[in-house]
N, C-alpha and C. Protein backbone atom coordinates (compact mmCIF):
# COMPACT_ATOMS: atom_id res chain seq x y z
N MET A 1 0.75 -1.15 0.00
CA MET A 1 -0.03 -0.06 -0.06
C MET A 1 0.76 1.20 -0.11
N GLY A 2 1.85 1.32 0.66
CA GLY A 2 2.58 2.32 0.83
C GLY A 2 4.00 2.57 -0.02
N LEU A 3 4.13 3.59 -0.23
CA LEU A 3 5.40 3.88 -1.25
C LEU A 3 6.59 4.65 -0.35
N PHE A 4 7.65 4.16 -0.40
CA PHE A 4 8.91 4.83 0.56
C PHE A 4 8.81 4.64 1.95
N GLN A 5 7.60 4.36 2.61
CA GLN A 5 7.43 4.06 3.88
C GLN A 5 6.55 2.77 4.02
N LYS A 6 6.63 2.27 5.11
CA LYS A 6 5.68 0.84 5.09
C LYS A 6 4.38 1.37 5.98
N GLY A 7 4.36 2.10 6.98
CA GLY A 7 3.26 2.41 7.73
C GLY A 7 2.62 3.75 7.39
N ILE A 8 2.41 3.86 6.20
CA ILE A 8 1.81 5.32 6.03
C ILE A 8 0.18 5.12 6.47
N GLU A 9 -0.41 5.93 7.07
CA GLU A 9 -1.73 5.86 7.68
C GLU A 9 -2.70 6.51 6.66
N PRO A 10 -3.73 5.88 6.35
CA PRO A 10 -4.76 6.34 4.95
C PRO A 10 -5.36 7.49 5.37
N ARG A 11 -5.38 8.72 4.67
CA ARG A 11 -6.08 9.78 4.75
C ARG A 11 -6.67 10.16 3.48
N CYS A 12 -7.90 10.64 3.35
CA CYS A 12 -8.38 11.04 2.36
C CYS A 12 -7.65 12.19 1.31
N ALA A 13 -6.81 12.97 2.41
CA ALA A 13 -5.98 14.08 1.70
C ALA A 13 -5.15 13.46 0.48
N TYR A 14 -4.69 12.32 0.81
CA TYR A 14 -3.80 11.54 -0.53
C TYR A 14 -4.39 10.53 -0.85
N CYS A 15 -5.57 10.38 -1.15
CA CYS A 15 -6.35 9.42 -1.93
C CYS A 15 -6.49 9.62 -3.21
N ALA A 16 -6.13 8.60 -4.15
CA ALA A 16 -6.05 8.72 -5.69
C ALA A 16 -7.68 9.10 -5.92
N HIS A 17 -8.50 8.66 -5.38
CA HIS A 17 -9.99 9.22 -5.75
C HIS A 17 -10.64 10.50 -5.46
N GLY A 18 -9.90 11.09 -4.46
CA GLY A 18 -10.54 12.43 -3.80
C GLY A 18 -9.97 13.62 -4.60
N ARG A 19 -10.93 14.46 -4.50
CA ARG A 19 -10.62 15.83 -4.85
C ARG A 19 -10.55 16.90 -3.98
N GLU A 20 -9.79 17.84 -3.95
CA GLU A 20 -9.57 18.79 -2.82
C GLU A 20 -10.61 20.05 -3.02
N LEU A 21 -11.41 20.13 -2.07
CA LEU A 21 -12.42 21.15 -1.92
C LEU A 21 -11.85 22.38 -1.20
N SER A 22 -11.30 22.00 -0.26
CA SER A 22 -10.54 23.19 0.67
C SER A 22 -9.40 22.30 1.36
N GLU A 23 -8.66 23.09 2.14
CA GLU A 23 -7.45 22.47 2.92
C GLU A 23 -8.06 21.32 3.88
N GLU A 24 -9.41 21.50 4.54
CA GLU A 24 -9.69 20.64 5.30
C GLU A 24 -10.70 19.64 4.82
N GLN A 25 -11.37 19.87 3.70
CA GLN A 25 -12.42 19.00 2.83
C GLN A 25 -12.01 18.46 1.70
N ILE A 26 -12.16 17.23 1.43
CA ILE A 26 -12.03 16.34 0.19
C ILE A 26 -13.21 15.92 -0.28
N LEU A 27 -13.45 15.97 -1.72
CA LEU A 27 -14.67 15.38 -2.37
C LEU A 27 -14.42 14.16 -2.66
N CYS A 28 -15.26 13.08 -2.30
CA CYS A 28 -14.90 11.72 -2.38
C CYS A 28 -16.13 10.97 -3.24
N PRO A 29 -15.65 10.40 -4.51
CA PRO A 29 -16.80 10.15 -5.32
C PRO A 29 -17.68 9.02 -4.75
N LYS A 30 -17.19 8.39 -3.64
CA LYS A 30 -17.93 6.99 -2.92
C LYS A 30 -18.85 7.70 -1.79
N LYS A 31 -17.98 8.51 -1.02
CA LYS A 31 -18.69 8.99 0.33
C LYS A 31 -19.20 10.31 0.30
N GLY A 32 -18.85 11.26 -0.48
CA GLY A 32 -19.35 12.68 -0.81
C GLY A 32 -18.29 13.45 -0.06
N VAL A 33 -18.60 14.63 0.87
CA VAL A 33 -17.60 15.57 1.15
C VAL A 33 -17.06 14.69 2.57
N MET A 34 -15.78 14.90 2.61
CA MET A 34 -15.16 14.06 3.68
C MET A 34 -14.25 14.97 4.35
N ALA A 35 -13.72 14.81 5.52
CA ALA A 35 -12.63 15.39 6.33
C ALA A 35 -11.37 14.98 5.55
N ALA A 36 -10.32 16.09 5.56
CA ALA A 36 -9.12 15.54 5.05
C ALA A 36 -8.23 14.35 5.71
N GLY A 37 -8.68 14.25 7.17
CA GLY A 37 -7.85 13.40 8.09
C GLY A 37 -8.51 11.81 8.19
N SER A 38 -9.78 11.84 7.39
CA SER A 38 -10.60 10.61 7.38
C SER A 38 -10.02 9.71 6.32
N HIS A 39 -10.99 8.64 6.16
CA HIS A 39 -10.59 7.50 5.09
C HIS A 39 -11.74 6.77 5.01
N CYS A 40 -11.86 5.82 3.97
CA CYS A 40 -13.04 5.00 3.77
C CYS A 40 -12.23 3.65 3.08
N ARG A 41 -13.20 2.40 3.01
CA ARG A 41 -12.56 1.26 2.70
C ARG A 41 -12.02 1.33 0.81
N GLY A 42 -12.46 2.51 0.22
CA GLY A 42 -12.12 2.79 -1.17
C GLY A 42 -10.74 3.32 -1.23
N PHE A 43 -10.23 3.45 0.02
CA PHE A 43 -8.74 4.45 -0.21
C PHE A 43 -7.64 3.64 -1.14
N LYS A 44 -7.19 4.62 -1.96
CA LYS A 44 -6.05 4.03 -2.96
C LYS A 44 -5.15 5.19 -2.86
N TYR A 45 -3.82 4.83 -2.41
CA TYR A 45 -2.74 5.67 -2.10
C TYR A 45 -2.14 6.20 -3.31
N ASP A 46 -1.99 7.46 -3.40
CA ASP A 46 -1.50 8.33 -4.36
C ASP A 46 -0.26 9.06 -3.91
N PRO A 47 1.02 8.35 -4.25
CA PRO A 47 2.29 9.19 -3.70
C PRO A 47 2.61 10.59 -3.91
N LEU A 48 1.88 10.85 -5.12
CA LEU A 48 2.16 12.43 -5.55
C LEU A 48 1.33 13.24 -4.82
N ARG A 49 0.34 12.91 -3.86
CA ARG A 49 -0.34 13.85 -3.36
C ARG A 49 0.08 14.04 -1.91
N ARG A 50 0.95 13.23 -1.24
CA ARG A 50 1.38 13.23 -0.24
C ARG A 50 2.61 14.16 -0.08
N VAL A 51 2.49 15.03 0.99
CA VAL A 51 3.68 15.92 1.19
C VAL A 51 4.48 15.29 2.33
N PRO A 52 5.56 14.61 2.47
CA PRO A 52 6.26 13.95 3.53
C PRO A 52 6.65 14.84 4.58
N PRO A 53 6.88 14.60 5.87
CA PRO A 53 7.29 15.61 6.80
C PRO A 53 8.90 16.02 6.56
N ARG A 54 9.00 17.21 6.97
CA ARG A 54 10.34 17.69 6.60
C ARG A 54 11.57 17.09 7.63
N PRO A 55 12.63 16.64 7.17
CA PRO A 55 13.70 16.14 7.85
C PRO A 55 13.96 17.03 9.07
N THR A 56 14.40 16.49 10.07
CA THR A 56 14.84 17.32 11.34
C THR A 56 16.24 17.91 10.98
N LYS A 57 16.42 19.12 11.43
CA LYS A 57 17.75 19.58 11.22
C LYS A 57 18.86 19.20 12.40
N LEU A 58 19.99 19.32 11.97
CA LEU A 58 21.07 18.85 12.91
C LEU A 58 21.28 20.09 13.74
N ALA A 59 21.34 19.83 15.09
CA ALA A 59 21.60 20.60 16.08
C ALA A 59 23.02 21.07 16.05
N GLY A 60 23.55 21.93 15.37
CA GLY A 60 24.91 22.20 15.27
C GLY A 60 25.36 23.34 16.18
N VAL A 61 24.80 23.78 17.05
CA VAL A 61 25.08 24.74 17.87
C VAL A 61 26.11 24.36 18.77
N GLY A 62 27.25 25.16 18.87
CA GLY A 62 28.41 24.84 19.68
C GLY A 62 29.57 23.88 18.99
N LEU A 63 29.16 23.57 17.69
CA LEU A 63 30.24 22.64 17.03
C LEU A 63 31.24 23.55 16.22
N SER A 64 32.36 23.02 15.90
CA SER A 64 33.31 23.57 15.31
C SER A 64 33.87 22.73 14.10
N ASP A 65 34.73 23.14 13.37
CA ASP A 65 35.31 22.17 12.42
C ASP A 65 36.02 21.04 13.11
N ASP A 66 36.73 21.39 14.14
CA ASP A 66 37.70 20.42 15.01
C ASP A 66 36.71 19.15 15.23
N ASN A 67 35.51 19.31 15.57
CA ASN A 67 34.67 18.20 15.87
C ASN A 67 34.53 17.26 14.78
N PHE A 68 34.60 17.68 13.40
CA PHE A 68 34.47 16.76 12.29
C PHE A 68 35.78 16.07 11.57
N LYS A 69 37.01 16.39 12.39
CA LYS A 69 38.18 15.77 11.93
C LYS A 69 38.60 14.56 12.38
N LEU A 70 39.02 13.55 11.69
CA LEU A 70 39.41 12.43 12.01
C LEU A 70 40.77 12.40 12.63
C-alpha cells in the first residue's frame, strides 16, 4: 500500500479518488464530502498527493570544524 514508507496512515488528503475542496475538506466520489484526515474502504494511495514531513535539522550549535576531523 505505501510507497517509500511501510506504515503510511490512510487519509483522504492523499487518496487517488478524492478531489480537494479546501484544505480541510475532500470530495470523495464514494462518500461525498469528507474530512481530510478521515478515510474509507475505497482508499487508494497516491504518492504524488502526499507531502512527507520535513527532515529534522542537525543541532549544530556549539560545534566547530575540529569536531568533524578524524
